[in-house]
Amino acid sequence: MGSIFKPKMPSLPPPPPAPDPPSDELTPEEKERIKKEQDAIMRRRRGRKSTILTSPLGIQESKEEQLETLLGKSDDR
């Protein structure tokens, strides 16, 4: 009885053709832009790393480096 009240579905139209895949070749401008971005990332990474003065083991400085103060070397040698 359900088939009497349900109209038949019309067939679907065919799907549109797939778009062409993008080319794998990069233009020289794109290569230069990517190189500049990568260089900037490496500069920032190197800059931040140089400000960290401790290692996972703690402060790594010799006895002489510990004696230096803002006013000069300490006399506690």
PDB file of N, CA and C in Angstrom:
ATOM      1  N   MET A   1       0.827  -1.183   0.000  1.00  0.00           N
ATOM      2  CA  MET A   1       0.000   0.000   0.000  1.00  0.00           C
ATOM      3  C   MET A   1       0.874   1.249   0.000  1.00  0.00           C
ATOM      4  N   GLY A   2       2.098   1.155   0.488  1.00  0.00           N
ATOM      5  CA  GLY A   2       2.974   2.292   0.507  1.00  0.00           C
ATOM      6  C   GLY A   2       3.410   2.723  -0.878  1.00  0.00           C
ATOM      7  N   SER A   3       3.421   1.784  -1.829  1.00  0.00           N
ATOM      8  CA  SER A   3       3.889   2.131  -3.166  1.00  0.00           C
ATOM      9  C   SER A   3       2.850   2.930  -3.942  1.00  0.00           C
ATOM     10  N   ILE A   4       1.641   2.905  -3.543  1.00  0.00           N
ATOM     11  CA  ILE A   4       0.598   3.665  -4.229  1.00  0.00           C
ATOM     12  C   ILE A   4       0.764   5.156  -3.961  1.00  0.00           C
ATOM     13  N   PHE A   5       1.128   5.513  -2.734  1.00  0.00           N
ATOM     14  CA  PHE A   5       1.199   6.912  -2.352  1.00  0.00           C
ATOM     15  C   PHE A   5       2.571   7.541  -2.563  1.00  0.00           C
ATOM     16  N   LYS A   6       3.589   6.735  -2.886  1.00  0.00           N
ATOM     17  CA  LYS A   6       4.936   7.265  -3.111  1.00  0.00           C
ATOM     18  C   LYS A   6       5.194   7.354  -4.605  1.00  0.00           C
ATOM     19  N   PRO A   7       5.464   8.564  -5.079  1.00  0.00           N
ATOM     20  CA  PRO A   7       5.809   8.659  -6.505  1.00  0.00           C
ATOM     21  C   PRO A   7       7.219   8.139  -6.736  1.00  0.00           C
ATOM     22  N   LYS A   8       7.500   7.713  -7.964  1.00  0.00           N
ATOM     23  CA  LYS A   8       8.830   7.207  -8.285  1.00  0.00           C
ATOM     24  C   LYS A   8       9.793   8.387  -8.337  1.00  0.00           C
ATOM     25  N   MET A   9      11.023   8.155  -7.826  1.00  0.00           N
ATOM     26  CA  MET A   9      12.062   9.183  -7.846  1.00  0.00           C
ATOM     27  C   MET A   9      12.580   9.326  -9.274  1.00  0.00           C
ATOM     28  N   PRO A  10      12.722  10.554  -9.737  1.00  0.00           N
ATOM     29  CA  PRO A  10      13.343  10.708 -11.055  1.00  0.00           C
ATOM     30  C   PRO A  10      14.829  10.372 -10.955  1.00  0.00           C
ATOM     31  N   SER A  11      15.422   9.958 -12.054  1.00  0.00           N
ATOM     32  CA  SER A  11      16.835   9.590 -12.019  1.00  0.00           C
ATOM     33  C   SER A  11      17.678  10.857 -11.840  1.00  0.00           C
ATOM     34  N   LEU A  12      18.803  10.693 -11.160  1.00  0.00           N
ATOM     35  CA  LEU A  12      19.683  11.822 -10.897  1.00  0.00           C
ATOM     36  C   LEU A  12      20.462  12.192 -12.147  1.00  0.00           C
ATOM     37  N   PRO A  13      20.768  13.490 -12.299  1.00  0.00           N
ATOM     38  CA  PRO A  13      21.584  13.869 -13.461  1.00  0.00           C
ATOM     39  C   PRO A  13      23.009  13.354 -13.283  1.00  0.00           C
ATOM     40  N   PRO A  14      23.752  13.184 -14.368  1.00  0.00           N
ATOM     41  CA  PRO A  14      25.120  12.684 -14.235  1.00  0.00           C
ATOM     42  C   PRO A  14      25.996  13.707 -13.506  1.00  0.00           C
ATOM     43  N   PRO A  15      26.995  13.243 -12.745  1.00  0.00           N
ATOM     44  CA  PRO A  15      27.837  14.192 -12.002  1.00  0.00           C
ATOM     45  C   PRO A  15      28.691  15.017 -12.967  1.00  0.00           C
ATOM     46  N   PRO A  16      29.057  16.228 -12.551  1.00  0.00           N
ATOM     47  CA  PRO A  16      29.904  17.048 -13.427  1.00  0.00           C
ATOM     48  C   PRO A  16      31.297  16.432 -13.538  1.00  0.00           C
ATOM     49  N   PRO A  17      32.006  16.722 -14.607  1.00  0.00           N
ATOM     50  CA  PRO A  17      33.349  16.136 -14.754  1.00  0.00           C
ATOM     51  C   PRO A  17      34.285  16.675 -13.675  1.00  0.00           C
ATOM     52  N   ALA A  18      35.252  15.855 -13.308  1.00  0.00           N
ATOM     53  CA  ALA A  18      36.200  16.244 -12.259  1.00  0.00           C
ATOM     54  C   ALA A  18      37.107  17.364 -12.778  1.00  0.00           C
ATOM     55  N   PRO A  19      37.468  18.315 -11.905  1.00  0.00           N
ATOM     56  CA  PRO A  19      38.366  19.388 -12.347  1.00  0.00           C
ATOM     57  C   PRO A  19      39.770  18.842 -12.596  1.00  0.00           C
ATOM     58  N   ASP A  20      40.521  19.549 -13.420  1.00  0.00           N
ATOM     59  CA  ASP A  20      41.893  19.144 -13.702  1.00  0.00           C
ATOM     60  C   ASP A  20      42.728  19.284 -12.436  1.00  0.00           C
ATOM     61  N   PRO A  21      43.616  18.316 -12.167  1.00  0.00           N
ATOM     62  CA  PRO A  21      44.460  18.425 -10.967  1.00  0.00           C
ATOM     63  C   PRO A  21      45.456  19.583 -11.134  1.00  0.00           C
ATOM     64  N   PRO A  22      45.831  20.229 -10.037  1.00  0.00           N
ATOM     65  CA  PRO A  22      46.797  21.328 -10.135  1.00  0.00           C
ATOM     66  C   PRO A  22      48.166  20.794 -10.561  1.00  0.00           C
ATOM     67  N   SER A  23      48.926  21.651 -11.187  1.00  0.00           N
ATOM     68  CA  SER A  23      50.249  21.213 -11.642  1.00  0.00           C
ATOM     69  C   SER A  23      51.192  21.097 -10.454  1.00  0.00           C
ATOM     70  N   ASP A  24      52.140  20.179 -10.568  1.00  0.00           N
ATOM     71  CA  ASP A  24      53.098  19.949  -9.497  1.00  0.00           C
ATOM     72  C   ASP A  24      54.262  20.924  -9.547  1.00  0.00           C
ATOM     73  N   GLU A  25      54.447  21.582 -10.672  1.00  0.00           N
ATOM     74  CA  GLU A  25      55.571  22.511 -10.833  1.00  0.00           C
ATOM     75  C   GLU A  25      55.257  23.844 -10.162  1.00  0.00           C
ATOM     76  N   LEU A  26      56.239  24.385  -9.462  1.00  0.00           N
ATOM     77  CA  LEU A  26      56.111  25.698  -8.839  1.00  0.00           C
ATOM     78  C   LEU A  26      56.800  26.731  -9.717  1.00  0.00           C
ATOM     79  N   THR A  27      56.220  27.907  -9.767  1.00  0.00           N
ATOM     80  CA  THR A  27      56.844  28.985 -10.525  1.00  0.00           C
ATOM     81  C   THR A  27      58.041  29.497  -9.735  1.00  0.00           C
ATOM     82  N   PRO A  28      58.989  30.147 -10.382  1.00  0.00           N
ATOM     83  CA  PRO A  28      60.149  30.687  -9.652  1.00  0.00           C
ATOM     84  C   PRO A  28      59.739  31.679  -8.557  1.00  0.00           C
ATOM     85  N   GLU A  29      58.667  32.431  -8.783  1.00  0.00           N
ATOM     86  CA  GLU A  29      58.195  33.373  -7.759  1.00  0.00           C
ATOM     87  C   GLU A  29      57.699  32.631  -6.520  1.00  0.00           C
ATOM     88  N   GLU A  30      56.969  31.527  -6.743  1.00  0.00           N
ATOM     89  CA  GLU A  30      56.478  30.743  -5.607  1.00  0.00           C
ATOM     90  C   GLU A  30      57.634  30.103  -4.850  1.00  0.00           C
ATOM     91  N   LYS A  31      58.641  29.598  -5.586  1.00  0.00           N
ATOM     92  CA  LYS A  31      59.796  28.997  -4.940  1.00  0.00           C
ATOM     93  C   LYS A  31      60.540  30.028  -4.094  1.00  0.00           C
ATOM     94  N   GLU A  32      60.691  31.241  -4.606  1.00  0.00           N
ATOM     95  CA  GLU A  32      61.381  32.302  -3.867  1.00  0.00           C
ATOM     96  C   GLU A  32      60.596  32.696  -2.617  1.00  0.00           C
ATOM     97  N   ARG A  33      59.270  32.788  -2.739  1.00  0.00           N
ATOM     98  CA  ARG A  33      58.428  33.143  -1.593  1.00  0.00           C
ATOM     99  C   ARG A  33      58.525  32.067  -0.510  1.00  0.00           C
ATOM    100  N   ILE A  34      58.485  30.803  -0.897  1.00  0.00           N
ATOM    101  CA  ILE A  34      58.573  29.705   0.070  1.00  0.00           C
ATOM    102  C   ILE A  34      59.935  29.716   0.748  1.00  0.00           C
ATOM    103  N   LYS A  35      61.007  29.968  -0.012  1.00  0.00           N
ATOM    104  CA  LYS A  35      62.350  30.013   0.565  1.00  0.00           C
ATOM    105  C   LYS A  35      62.468  31.147   1.578  1.00  0.00           C
ATOM    106  N   LYS A  36      61.903  32.316   1.276  1.00  0.00           N
ATOM    107  CA  LYS A  36      61.949  33.444   2.215  1.00  0.00           C
ATOM    108  C   LYS A  36      61.190  33.114   3.498  1.00  0.00           C
ATOM    109  N   GLU A  37      60.026  32.471   3.353  1.00  0.00           N
ATOM    110  CA  GLU A  37      59.249  32.095   4.540  1.00  0.00           C
ATOM    111  C   GLU A  37      60.016  31.092   5.399  1.00  0.00           C
ATOM    112  N   GLN A  38      60.641  30.097   4.780  1.00  0.00           N
ATOM    113  CA  GLN A  38      61.401  29.095   5.533  1.00  0.00           C
ATOM    114  C   GLN A  38      62.611  29.728   6.223  1.00  0.00           C
ATOM    115  N   ASP A  39      63.287  30.658   5.530  1.00  0.00           N
ATOM    116  CA  ASP A  39      64.428  31.351   6.136  1.00  0.00           C
ATOM    117  C   ASP A  39      63.990  32.169   7.345  1.00  0.00           C
ATOM    118  N   ALA A  40      62.845  32.840   7.233  1.00  0.00           N
ATOM    119  CA  ALA A  40      62.340  33.634   8.361  1.00  0.00           C
ATOM    120  C   ALA A  40      62.000  32.739   9.546  1.00  0.00           C
ATOM    121  N   ILE A  41      61.424  31.594   9.277  1.00  0.00           N
ATOM    122  CA  ILE A  41      61.083  30.655  10.356  1.00  0.00           C
ATOM    123  C   ILE A  41      62.355  30.190  11.057  1.00  0.00           C
ATOM    124  N   MET A  42      63.390  29.860  10.284  1.00  0.00           N
ATOM    125  CA  MET A  42      64.634  29.393  10.884  1.00  0.00           C
ATOM    126  C   MET A  42      65.322  30.504  11.681  1.00  0.00           C
ATOM    127  N   ARG A  43      65.254  31.756  11.213  1.00  0.00           N
ATOM    128  CA  ARG A  43      65.840  32.873  11.962  1.00  0.00           C
ATOM    129  C   ARG A  43      65.134  33.065  13.295  1.00  0.00           C
ATOM    130  N   ARG A  44      63.797  32.994  13.280  1.00  0.00           N
ATOM    131  CA  ARG A  44      63.051  33.148  14.538  1.00  0.00           C
ATOM    132  C   ARG A  44      63.358  32.002  15.484  1.00  0.00           C
ATOM    133  N   ARG A  45      63.455  30.787  14.958  1.00  0.00           N
ATOM    134  CA  ARG A  45      63.737  29.621  15.797  1.00  0.00           C
ATOM    135  C   ARG A  45      65.128  29.749  16.410  1.00  0.00           C
ATOM    136  N   ARG A  46      66.104  30.146  15.606  1.00  0.00           N
ATOM    137  CA  ARG A  46      67.467  30.297  16.089  1.00  0.00           C
ATOM    138  C   ARG A  46      67.531  31.436  17.106  1.00  0.00           C
ATOM    139  N   GLY A  47      66.796  32.525  16.882  1.00  0.00           N
ATOM    140  CA  GLY A  47      66.806  33.659  17.794  1.00  0.00           C
ATOM    141  C   GLY A  47      66.252  33.303  19.159  1.00  0.00           C
ATOM    142  N   ARG A  48      65.167  32.568  19.209  1.00  0.00           N
ATOM    143  CA  ARG A  48      64.572  32.185  20.496  1.00  0.00           C
ATOM    144  C   ARG A  48      65.477  31.215  21.231  1.00  0.00           C
ATOM    145  N   LYS A  49      66.094  30.296  20.503  1.00  0.00           N
ATOM    146  CA  LYS A  49      66.936  29.292  21.139  1.00  0.00           C
ATOM    147  C   LYS A  49      68.171  29.936  21.764  1.00  0.00           C
ATOM    148  N   SER A  50      68.668  30.999  21.165  1.00  0.00           N
ATOM    149  CA  SER A  50      69.874  31.627  21.694  1.00  0.00           C
ATOM    150  C   SER A  50      69.599  32.380  22.997  1.00  0.00           C
ATOM    151  N   THR A  51      68.331  32.670  23.311  1.00  0.00           N
ATOM    152  CA  THR A  51      68.029  33.371  24.556  1.00  0.00           C
ATOM    153  C   THR A  51      67.888  32.423  25.740  1.00  0.00           C
ATOM    154  N   ILE A  52      67.748  31.143  25.481  1.00  0.00           N
ATOM    155  CA  ILE A  52      67.601  30.165  26.563  1.00  0.00           C
ATOM    156  C   ILE A  52      68.991  29.791  27.054  1.00  0.00           C
ATOM    157  N   LEU A  53      69.296  30.094  28.304  1.00  0.00           N
ATOM    158  CA  LEU A  53      70.630  29.898  28.833  1.00  0.00           C
ATOM    159  C   LEU A  53      70.756  28.673  29.723  1.00  0.00           C
ATOM    160  N   THR A  54      69.691  27.919  29.863  1.00  0.00           N
ATOM    161  CA  THR A  54      69.763  26.715  30.693  1.00  0.00           C
ATOM    162  C   THR A  54      69.521  25.491  29.822  1.00  0.00           C
ATOM    163  N   SER A  55      69.891  24.358  30.335  1.00  0.00           N
ATOM    164  CA  SER A  55      69.653  23.094  29.646  1.00  0.00           C
ATOM    165  C   SER A  55      68.721  22.261  30.528  1.00  0.00           C
ATOM    166  N   PRO A  56      68.337  21.092  30.070  1.00  0.00           N
ATOM    167  CA  PRO A  56      67.506  20.241  30.927  1.00  0.00           C
ATOM    168  C   PRO A  56      68.207  19.858  32.236  1.00  0.00           C
ATOM    169  N   LEU A  57      69.530  19.970  32.271  1.00  0.00           N
ATOM    170  CA  LEU A  57      70.273  19.631  33.480  1.00  0.00           C
ATOM    171  C   LEU A  57      70.429  20.826  34.418  1.00  0.00           C
ATOM    172  N   GLY A  58      69.972  21.994  34.029  1.00  0.00           N
ATOM    173  CA  GLY A  58      70.098  23.193  34.856  1.00  0.00           C
ATOM    174  C   GLY A  58      71.115  24.148  34.282  1.00  0.00           C
ATOM    175  N   ILE A  59      71.536  25.106  35.069  1.00  0.00           N
ATOM    176  CA  ILE A  59      72.501  26.095  34.626  1.00  0.00           C
ATOM    177  C   ILE A  59      73.861  25.433  34.471  1.00  0.00           C
ATOM    178  N   GLN A  60      74.499  25.645  33.338  1.00  0.00           N
ATOM    179  CA  GLN A  60      75.782  25.032  33.042  1.00  0.00           C
ATOM    180  C   GLN A  60      76.836  26.131  32.926  1.00  0.00           C
ATOM    181  N   GLU A  61      77.411  26.549  34.006  1.00  0.00           N
ATOM    182  CA  GLU A  61      78.472  27.548  33.949  1.00  0.00           C
ATOM    183  C   GLU A  61      79.596  27.153  34.906  1.00  0.00           C
ATOM    184  N   SER A  62      80.781  27.582  34.574  1.00  0.00           N
ATOM    185  CA  SER A  62      81.934  27.207  35.383  1.00  0.00           C
ATOM    186  C   SER A  62      82.003  28.074  36.645  1.00  0.00           C
ATOM    187  N   LYS A  63      82.911  27.738  37.536  1.00  0.00           N
ATOM    188  CA  LYS A  63      83.081  28.468  38.784  1.00  0.00           C
ATOM    189  C   LYS A  63      83.480  29.917  38.518  1.00  0.00           C
ATOM    190  N   GLU A  64      84.338  30.143  37.521  1.00  0.00           N
ATOM    191  CA  GLU A  64      84.774  31.504  37.221  1.00  0.00           C
ATOM    192  C   GLU A  64      83.619  32.359  36.693  1.00  0.00           C
ATOM    193  N   GLU A  65      82.754  31.786  35.886  1.00  0.00           N
ATOM    194  CA  GLU A  65      81.622  32.537  35.356  1.00  0.00           C
ATOM    195  C   GLU A  65      80.642  32.884  36.465  1.00  0.00           C
ATOM    196  N   GLN A  66      80.564  32.080  37.486  1.00  0.00           N
ATOM    197  CA  GLN A  66      79.653  32.354  38.592  1.00  0.00           C
ATOM    198  C   GLN A  66      80.141  33.537  39.419  1.00  0.00           C
ATOM    199  N   LEU A  67      81.437  33.791  39.419  1.00  0.00           N
ATOM    200  CA  LEU A  67      81.982  34.852  40.259  1.00  0.00           C
ATOM    201  C   LEU A  67      81.790  36.244  39.663  1.00  0.00           C
ATOM    202  N   GLU A  68      81.539  36.351  38.370  1.00  0.00           N
ATOM    203  CA  GLU A  68      81.388  37.665  37.767  1.00  0.00           C
ATOM    204  C   GLU A  68      80.085  38.306  38.232  1.00  0.00           C
ATOM    205  N   THR A  69      80.145  39.592  38.514  1.00  0.00           N
ATOM    206  CA  THR A  69      78.973  40.354  38.908  1.00  0.00           C
ATOM    207  C   THR A  69      78.851  41.558  38.010  1.00  0.00           C
ATOM    208  N   LEU A  70      77.846  42.379  38.232  1.00  0.00           N
ATOM    209  CA  LEU A  70      77.695  43.596  37.432  1.00  0.00           C
ATOM    210  C   LEU A  70      78.809  44.590  37.713  1.00  0.00           C
ATOM    211  N   LEU A  71      79.419  44.543  38.880  1.00  0.00           N
ATOM    212  CA  LEU A  71      80.466  45.499  39.251  1.00  0.00           C
ATOM    213  C   LEU A  71      81.862  44.978  38.925  1.00  0.00           C
ATOM    214  N   GLY A  72      81.976  43.778  38.416  1.00  0.00           N
ATOM    215  CA  GLY A  72      83.281  43.204  38.122  1.00  0.00           C
ATOM    216  C   GLY A  72      83.396  41.844  38.738  1.00  0.00           C
ATOM    217  N   LYS A  73      84.598  41.337  38.761  1.00  0.00           N
ATOM    218  CA  LYS A  73      84.802  40.012  39.340  1.00  0.00           C
ATOM    219  C   LYS A  73      84.868  40.093  40.855  1.00  0.00           C
ATOM    220  N   SER A  74      84.358  39.056  41.449  1.00  0.00           N
ATOM    221  CA  SER A  74      84.352  38.980  42.908  1.00  0.00           C
ATOM    222  C   SER A  74      85.739  38.568  43.408  1.00  0.00           C
ATOM    223  N   ASP A  75      86.073  38.920  44.634  1.00  0.00           N
ATOM    224  CA  ASP A  75      87.352  38.574  45.245  1.00  0.00           C
ATOM    225  C   ASP A  75      87.297  37.246  45.974  1.00  0.00           C
ATOM    226  N   ASP A  76      86.238  36.467  45.814  1.00  0.00           N
ATOM    227  CA  ASP A  76      86.036  35.228  46.562  1.00  0.00           C
ATOM    228  C   ASP A  76      86.752  34.037  45.923  1.00  0.00           C
ATOM    229  N   ARG A  77      87.711  34.214  45.084  1.00  0.00           N
ATOM    230  CA  ARG A  77      88.356  33.096  44.389  1.00  0.00           C
ATOM    231  C   ARG A  77      89.059  32.230  45.326  1.00  0.00           C
TER     232      ARG A  77
END
